[in-house]
Amino acid sequence: QLQASGGGLVQAGGSLRLSCAASGRTFSAYCMGWFCQAPGKEREFVAAVSWSGGTTNYADSVKRRFVISRDNAKNTVYLQMNSLKPEDTAVYYCARAKWSGNIVALTTDYDVWGQGTLVTVSS
């Protein structure tokens, strides 16, 4: 089970930190990712972090603004969102990859999803 939190309303240029708490075993063995879905759009990749936290991958639209990290001791993955833009407005989902090992970026590579947390950025 994954439980995402930390969403809210923020002005453009502001920051938010999303958290995703995992329950159950084997959290630390898997790549974890964040995805977003805006109204009327497909769910899309935002960022992913390897099982160790040593490797990260970002969508071009969030590079140098967002930072993904994880704390395996707390079974939690984070998404620090800085310099937020109105176009970042979406429901953000955390997810666990299907397989341990490589970092992945496709929605089809993930099989456990959190419930989503809404981020709204006003202009």
N, C-alpha and C. Protein backbone atom coordinates (compact mmCIF):
# COMPACT_ATOMS: atom_id res chain seq x y z
N GLN A 1 0.84 -1.20 0.00
CA GLN A 1 0.00 0.00 0.00
C GLN A 1 0.87 1.25 0.00
N LEU A 2 0.45 2.23 -0.78
CA LEU A 2 1.15 3.50 -0.85
C LEU A 2 0.19 4.62 -0.48
N GLN A 3 0.65 5.54 0.35
CA GLN A 3 -0.17 6.65 0.80
C GLN A 3 0.56 7.95 0.50
N ALA A 4 0.03 8.71 -0.47
CA ALA A 4 0.64 9.98 -0.85
C ALA A 4 0.02 11.13 -0.06
N SER A 5 0.83 12.13 0.24
CA SER A 5 0.34 13.30 0.95
C SER A 5 1.20 14.50 0.60
N GLY A 6 0.75 15.68 1.02
CA GLY A 6 1.54 16.89 0.85
C GLY A 6 1.07 17.83 -0.22
N GLY A 7 0.05 17.45 -0.96
CA GLY A 7 -0.46 18.34 -2.00
C GLY A 7 -1.18 19.53 -1.38
N GLY A 8 -1.51 20.50 -2.23
CA GLY A 8 -2.23 21.67 -1.75
C GLY A 8 -2.21 22.77 -2.79
N LEU A 9 -2.62 23.95 -2.35
CA LEU A 9 -2.67 25.12 -3.22
C LEU A 9 -1.45 25.99 -2.93
N VAL A 10 -0.75 26.38 -3.99
CA VAL A 10 0.44 27.20 -3.84
C VAL A 10 0.49 28.19 -4.99
N GLN A 11 1.09 29.34 -4.75
CA GLN A 11 1.25 30.32 -5.81
C GLN A 11 2.42 29.95 -6.71
N ALA A 12 2.37 30.41 -7.94
CA ALA A 12 3.46 30.19 -8.87
C ALA A 12 4.78 30.69 -8.26
N GLY A 13 5.82 29.88 -8.43
CA GLY A 13 7.12 30.19 -7.84
C GLY A 13 7.33 29.58 -6.47
N GLY A 14 6.27 29.05 -5.89
CA GLY A 14 6.35 28.46 -4.58
C GLY A 14 6.85 27.02 -4.61
N SER A 15 6.82 26.39 -3.43
CA SER A 15 7.33 25.03 -3.28
C SER A 15 6.35 24.16 -2.51
N LEU A 16 6.41 22.88 -2.77
CA LEU A 16 5.69 21.87 -2.01
C LEU A 16 6.56 20.64 -1.90
N ARG A 17 6.34 19.87 -0.85
CA ARG A 17 7.04 18.60 -0.70
C ARG A 17 6.00 17.49 -0.55
N LEU A 18 5.99 16.59 -1.52
CA LEU A 18 5.10 15.44 -1.46
C LEU A 18 5.81 14.28 -0.77
N SER A 19 5.04 13.49 -0.05
CA SER A 19 5.55 12.30 0.59
C SER A 19 4.71 11.10 0.18
N CYS A 20 5.34 9.96 0.15
CA CYS A 20 4.63 8.72 -0.16
C CYS A 20 5.12 7.66 0.81
N ALA A 21 4.24 7.25 1.70
CA ALA A 21 4.59 6.27 2.71
C ALA A 21 4.15 4.89 2.24
N ALA A 22 5.05 3.94 2.32
CA ALA A 22 4.77 2.58 1.89
C ALA A 22 4.63 1.66 3.08
N SER A 23 3.68 0.76 2.99
CA SER A 23 3.53 -0.26 4.02
C SER A 23 3.81 -1.61 3.39
N GLY A 24 4.13 -2.57 4.19
CA GLY A 24 4.44 -3.88 3.67
C GLY A 24 5.92 -4.06 3.43
N ARG A 25 6.25 -5.23 2.99
CA ARG A 25 7.66 -5.57 2.86
C ARG A 25 8.20 -5.17 1.50
N THR A 26 9.48 -5.21 1.38
CA THR A 26 10.25 -5.07 0.14
C THR A 26 10.20 -3.69 -0.50
N PHE A 27 9.80 -2.67 0.23
CA PHE A 27 9.82 -1.33 -0.35
C PHE A 27 11.20 -0.99 -0.86
N SER A 28 12.22 -1.26 -0.05
CA SER A 28 13.56 -0.80 -0.38
C SER A 28 14.17 -1.50 -1.57
N ALA A 29 13.55 -2.56 -2.07
CA ALA A 29 14.12 -3.32 -3.19
C ALA A 29 13.72 -2.78 -4.55
N TYR A 30 12.82 -1.80 -4.59
CA TYR A 30 12.21 -1.40 -5.85
C TYR A 30 12.42 0.07 -6.18
N CYS A 31 12.52 0.31 -7.46
CA CYS A 31 12.45 1.67 -7.98
C CYS A 31 11.08 2.25 -7.61
N MET A 32 11.06 3.52 -7.25
CA MET A 32 9.81 4.23 -6.95
C MET A 32 9.69 5.43 -7.86
N GLY A 33 8.46 5.75 -8.24
CA GLY A 33 8.26 6.86 -9.15
C GLY A 33 7.13 7.76 -8.75
N TRP A 34 7.15 8.96 -9.33
CA TRP A 34 6.05 9.92 -9.21
C TRP A 34 5.52 10.20 -10.62
N PHE A 35 4.21 10.23 -10.73
CA PHE A 35 3.53 10.55 -11.98
C PHE A 35 2.51 11.63 -11.70
N CYS A 36 2.08 12.33 -12.75
CA CYS A 36 1.03 13.32 -12.57
C CYS A 36 -0.01 13.17 -13.67
N GLN A 37 -1.21 13.59 -13.34
CA GLN A 37 -2.30 13.54 -14.30
C GLN A 37 -3.14 14.81 -14.17
N ALA A 38 -3.12 15.62 -15.22
CA ALA A 38 -3.92 16.82 -15.26
C ALA A 38 -5.29 16.49 -15.85
N PRO A 39 -6.30 17.29 -15.59
CA PRO A 39 -7.64 17.01 -16.12
C PRO A 39 -7.63 16.85 -17.63
N GLY A 40 -8.21 15.76 -18.11
CA GLY A 40 -8.30 15.53 -19.54
C GLY A 40 -7.04 15.04 -20.20
N LYS A 41 -6.00 14.78 -19.40
CA LYS A 41 -4.73 14.32 -19.97
C LYS A 41 -4.36 12.93 -19.46
N GLU A 42 -3.43 12.32 -20.16
CA GLU A 42 -2.92 11.03 -19.74
C GLU A 42 -2.00 11.20 -18.52
N ARG A 43 -1.91 10.14 -17.75
CA ARG A 43 -0.95 10.13 -16.65
C ARG A 43 0.46 10.11 -17.24
N GLU A 44 1.33 10.95 -16.70
CA GLU A 44 2.67 11.03 -17.26
C GLU A 44 3.75 11.00 -16.19
N PHE A 45 4.89 10.58 -16.63
CA PHE A 45 6.04 10.42 -15.75
C PHE A 45 6.57 11.76 -15.26
N VAL A 46 6.94 11.82 -13.98
CA VAL A 46 7.55 13.01 -13.41
C VAL A 46 8.99 12.72 -12.99
N ALA A 47 9.16 11.69 -12.16
CA ALA A 47 10.49 11.39 -11.64
C ALA A 47 10.51 9.98 -11.09
N ALA A 48 11.71 9.40 -11.03
CA ALA A 48 11.88 8.07 -10.45
C ALA A 48 13.22 8.01 -9.73
N VAL A 49 13.27 7.12 -8.74
CA VAL A 49 14.50 6.94 -7.97
C VAL A 49 14.76 5.44 -7.83
N SER A 50 16.02 5.07 -7.95
CA SER A 50 16.39 3.65 -7.84
C SER A 50 16.22 3.17 -6.41
N TRP A 51 16.32 1.86 -6.22
CA TRP A 51 16.08 1.27 -4.92
C TRP A 51 17.02 1.85 -3.85
N SER A 52 18.23 2.18 -4.25
CA SER A 52 19.22 2.68 -3.28
C SER A 52 19.14 4.19 -3.09
N GLY A 53 18.44 4.85 -4.02
CA GLY A 53 18.43 6.31 -4.00
C GLY A 53 19.59 6.92 -4.75
N GLY A 54 20.46 6.09 -5.28
CA GLY A 54 21.66 6.60 -5.92
C GLY A 54 21.47 7.08 -7.34
N THR A 55 20.38 6.66 -7.98
CA THR A 55 20.11 7.05 -9.37
C THR A 55 18.72 7.65 -9.45
N THR A 56 18.61 8.76 -10.17
CA THR A 56 17.32 9.41 -10.37
C THR A 56 17.11 9.72 -11.84
N ASN A 57 15.87 9.91 -12.21
CA ASN A 57 15.51 10.25 -13.58
C ASN A 57 14.34 11.22 -13.52
N TYR A 58 14.33 12.22 -14.39
CA TYR A 58 13.29 13.25 -14.37
C TYR A 58 12.74 13.51 -15.77
N ALA A 59 11.49 13.87 -15.81
CA ALA A 59 10.93 14.38 -17.05
C ALA A 59 11.60 15.72 -17.35
N ASP A 60 11.76 16.03 -18.61
CA ASP A 60 12.42 17.28 -18.99
C ASP A 60 11.73 18.50 -18.39
N SER A 61 10.42 18.43 -18.26
CA SER A 61 9.65 19.58 -17.80
C SER A 61 9.91 19.94 -16.33
N VAL A 62 10.49 19.00 -15.57
CA VAL A 62 10.70 19.27 -14.14
C VAL A 62 12.17 19.26 -13.74
N LYS A 63 13.05 18.99 -14.70
CA LYS A 63 14.48 18.97 -14.38
C LYS A 63 14.92 20.32 -13.82
N ARG A 64 15.77 20.28 -12.82
CA ARG A 64 16.31 21.46 -12.13
C ARG A 64 15.25 22.18 -11.28
N ARG A 65 14.03 21.65 -11.21
CA ARG A 65 13.02 22.23 -10.33
C ARG A 65 12.56 21.23 -9.26
N PHE A 66 12.45 19.96 -9.62
CA PHE A 66 11.97 18.93 -8.71
C PHE A 66 13.13 18.03 -8.30
N VAL A 67 13.03 17.49 -7.09
CA VAL A 67 14.03 16.54 -6.60
C VAL A 67 13.31 15.36 -5.95
N ILE A 68 13.60 14.15 -6.43
CA ILE A 68 13.04 12.95 -5.84
C ILE A 68 14.08 12.32 -4.93
N SER A 69 13.64 11.81 -3.81
CA SER A 69 14.54 11.15 -2.87
C SER A 69 13.76 10.09 -2.10
N ARG A 70 14.46 9.27 -1.36
CA ARG A 70 13.80 8.23 -0.58
C ARG A 70 14.57 7.99 0.72
N ASP A 71 13.82 7.51 1.71
CA ASP A 71 14.39 7.10 2.98
C ASP A 71 13.91 5.68 3.23
N ASN A 72 14.74 4.71 2.94
CA ASN A 72 14.31 3.31 3.06
C ASN A 72 14.07 2.91 4.51
N ALA A 73 14.72 3.59 5.44
CA ALA A 73 14.49 3.28 6.85
C ALA A 73 13.07 3.68 7.26
N LYS A 74 12.52 4.68 6.59
CA LYS A 74 11.16 5.15 6.88
C LYS A 74 10.15 4.67 5.85
N ASN A 75 10.59 3.88 4.88
CA ASN A 75 9.69 3.40 3.83
C ASN A 75 8.95 4.56 3.16
N THR A 76 9.68 5.62 2.86
CA THR A 76 9.05 6.82 2.32
C THR A 76 9.85 7.36 1.15
N VAL A 77 9.12 7.82 0.13
CA VAL A 77 9.74 8.51 -1.00
C VAL A 77 9.18 9.92 -1.04
N TYR A 78 10.00 10.87 -1.45
CA TYR A 78 9.63 12.28 -1.43
C TYR A 78 9.75 12.89 -2.82
N LEU A 79 9.01 13.96 -3.04
CA LEU A 79 9.17 14.77 -4.23
C LEU A 79 9.17 16.23 -3.80
N GLN A 80 10.34 16.85 -3.80
CA GLN A 80 10.47 18.27 -3.51
C GLN A 80 10.21 19.05 -4.79
N MET A 81 9.20 19.88 -4.76
CA MET A 81 8.79 20.61 -5.95
C MET A 81 9.06 22.10 -5.73
N ASN A 82 9.95 22.65 -6.50
CA ASN A 82 10.34 24.06 -6.38
C ASN A 82 9.98 24.81 -7.66
N SER A 83 9.94 26.12 -7.55
CA SER A 83 9.64 26.98 -8.70
C SER A 83 8.41 26.49 -9.45
N LEU A 84 7.37 26.22 -8.73
CA LEU A 84 6.16 25.64 -9.32
C LEU A 84 5.51 26.59 -10.31
N LYS A 85 4.94 25.98 -11.35
CA LYS A 85 4.28 26.72 -12.42
C LYS A 85 2.81 26.29 -12.49
N PRO A 86 1.95 27.14 -13.02
CA PRO A 86 0.53 26.73 -13.16
C PRO A 86 0.37 25.43 -13.94
N GLU A 87 1.23 25.18 -14.90
CA GLU A 87 1.13 23.95 -15.68
C GLU A 87 1.54 22.70 -14.90
N ASP A 88 2.06 22.86 -13.68
CA ASP A 88 2.34 21.71 -12.81
C ASP A 88 1.07 21.23 -12.10
N THR A 89 -0.02 21.98 -12.23
CA THR A 89 -1.26 21.60 -11.58
C THR A 89 -1.73 20.24 -12.08
N ALA A 90 -1.92 19.32 -11.14
CA ALA A 90 -2.31 17.95 -11.48
C ALA A 90 -2.50 17.15 -10.19
N VAL A 91 -3.04 15.96 -10.34
CA VAL A 91 -3.00 14.99 -9.26
C VAL A 91 -1.69 14.21 -9.40
N TYR A 92 -0.96 14.12 -8.30
CA TYR A 92 0.33 13.43 -8.31
C TYR A 92 0.19 12.08 -7.62
N TYR A 93 0.73 11.06 -8.29
CA TYR A 93 0.66 9.70 -7.80
C TYR A 93 2.06 9.14 -7.58
N CYS A 94 2.24 8.43 -6.48
CA CYS A 94 3.48 7.68 -6.32
C CYS A 94 3.20 6.23 -6.72
N ALA A 95 4.24 5.53 -7.11
CA ALA A 95 4.06 4.17 -7.58
C ALA A 95 5.33 3.37 -7.36
N ARG A 96 5.15 2.04 -7.27
CA ARG A 96 6.26 1.13 -7.09
C ARG A 96 6.44 0.31 -8.37
N ALA A 97 7.67 0.20 -8.81
CA ALA A 97 7.95 -0.56 -10.03
C ALA A 97 7.61 -2.04 -9.85
N LYS A 98 7.35 -2.69 -10.99
CA LYS A 98 6.99 -4.10 -10.98
C LYS A 98 8.17 -4.99 -10.58
N TRP A 99 9.37 -4.56 -10.98
CA TRP A 99 10.53 -5.40 -10.76
C TRP A 99 11.59 -4.63 -10.00
N SER A 100 12.34 -5.34 -9.21
CA SER A 100 13.49 -4.72 -8.55
C SER A 100 14.58 -4.55 -9.60
N GLY A 101 15.45 -3.58 -9.39
CA GLY A 101 16.53 -3.40 -10.34
C GLY A 101 16.51 -2.03 -10.97
N ASN A 102 16.45 -1.97 -12.30
CA ASN A 102 16.65 -0.74 -13.04
C ASN A 102 15.57 0.29 -12.77
N ILE A 103 15.95 1.53 -12.92
CA ILE A 103 15.02 2.64 -12.81
C ILE A 103 14.18 2.69 -14.09
N VAL A 104 12.89 2.91 -13.96
CA VAL A 104 11.99 2.86 -15.11
C VAL A 104 11.06 4.07 -15.11
N ALA A 105 10.48 4.35 -16.29
CA ALA A 105 9.72 5.59 -16.44
C ALA A 105 8.35 5.44 -17.08
N LEU A 106 7.97 4.25 -17.49
CA LEU A 106 6.67 4.06 -18.13
C LEU A 106 5.63 3.67 -17.08
N THR A 107 4.40 4.14 -17.25
CA THR A 107 3.35 3.77 -16.31
C THR A 107 3.16 2.26 -16.27
N THR A 108 3.37 1.60 -17.40
CA THR A 108 3.19 0.15 -17.47
C THR A 108 4.28 -0.61 -16.73
N ASP A 109 5.33 0.08 -16.31
CA ASP A 109 6.40 -0.55 -15.53
C ASP A 109 6.11 -0.56 -14.04
N TYR A 110 4.98 0.02 -13.64
CA TYR A 110 4.62 0.13 -12.23
C TYR A 110 3.31 -0.60 -11.96
N ASP A 111 3.23 -1.27 -10.82
CA ASP A 111 2.02 -2.04 -10.55
C ASP A 111 1.36 -1.72 -9.22
N VAL A 112 1.97 -0.93 -8.38
CA VAL A 112 1.36 -0.53 -7.11
C VAL A 112 1.31 0.99 -7.08
N TRP A 113 0.10 1.54 -6.92
CA TRP A 113 -0.13 2.98 -7.02
C TRP A 113 -0.76 3.52 -5.74
N GLY A 114 -0.35 4.72 -5.38
CA GLY A 114 -1.01 5.42 -4.29
C GLY A 114 -2.29 6.07 -4.78
N GLN A 115 -3.00 6.72 -3.88
CA GLN A 115 -4.31 7.27 -4.21
C GLN A 115 -4.25 8.63 -4.86
N GLY A 116 -3.12 9.27 -4.88
CA GLY A 116 -2.99 10.58 -5.51
C GLY A 116 -3.17 11.72 -4.53
N THR A 117 -2.45 12.80 -4.78
CA THR A 117 -2.60 14.02 -3.99
C THR A 117 -2.62 15.19 -4.96
N LEU A 118 -3.56 16.10 -4.76
CA LEU A 118 -3.79 17.19 -5.71
C LEU A 118 -2.85 18.36 -5.43
N VAL A 119 -2.18 18.80 -6.48
CA VAL A 119 -1.34 20.00 -6.43
C VAL A 119 -1.96 21.04 -7.36
N THR A 120 -2.25 22.20 -6.80
CA THR A 120 -2.82 23.30 -7.58
C THR A 120 -1.90 24.50 -7.47
N VAL A 121 -1.45 24.99 -8.62
CA VAL A 121 -0.55 26.14 -8.65
C VAL A 121 -1.29 27.30 -9.29
N SER A 122 -1.46 28.36 -8.53
CA SER A 122 -2.18 29.53 -9.04
C SER A 122 -1.19 30.53 -9.64
N SER A 123 -1.67 31.25 -10.64
CA SER A 123 -0.80 32.23 -11.32
C SER A 123 -0.87 33.60 -10.65
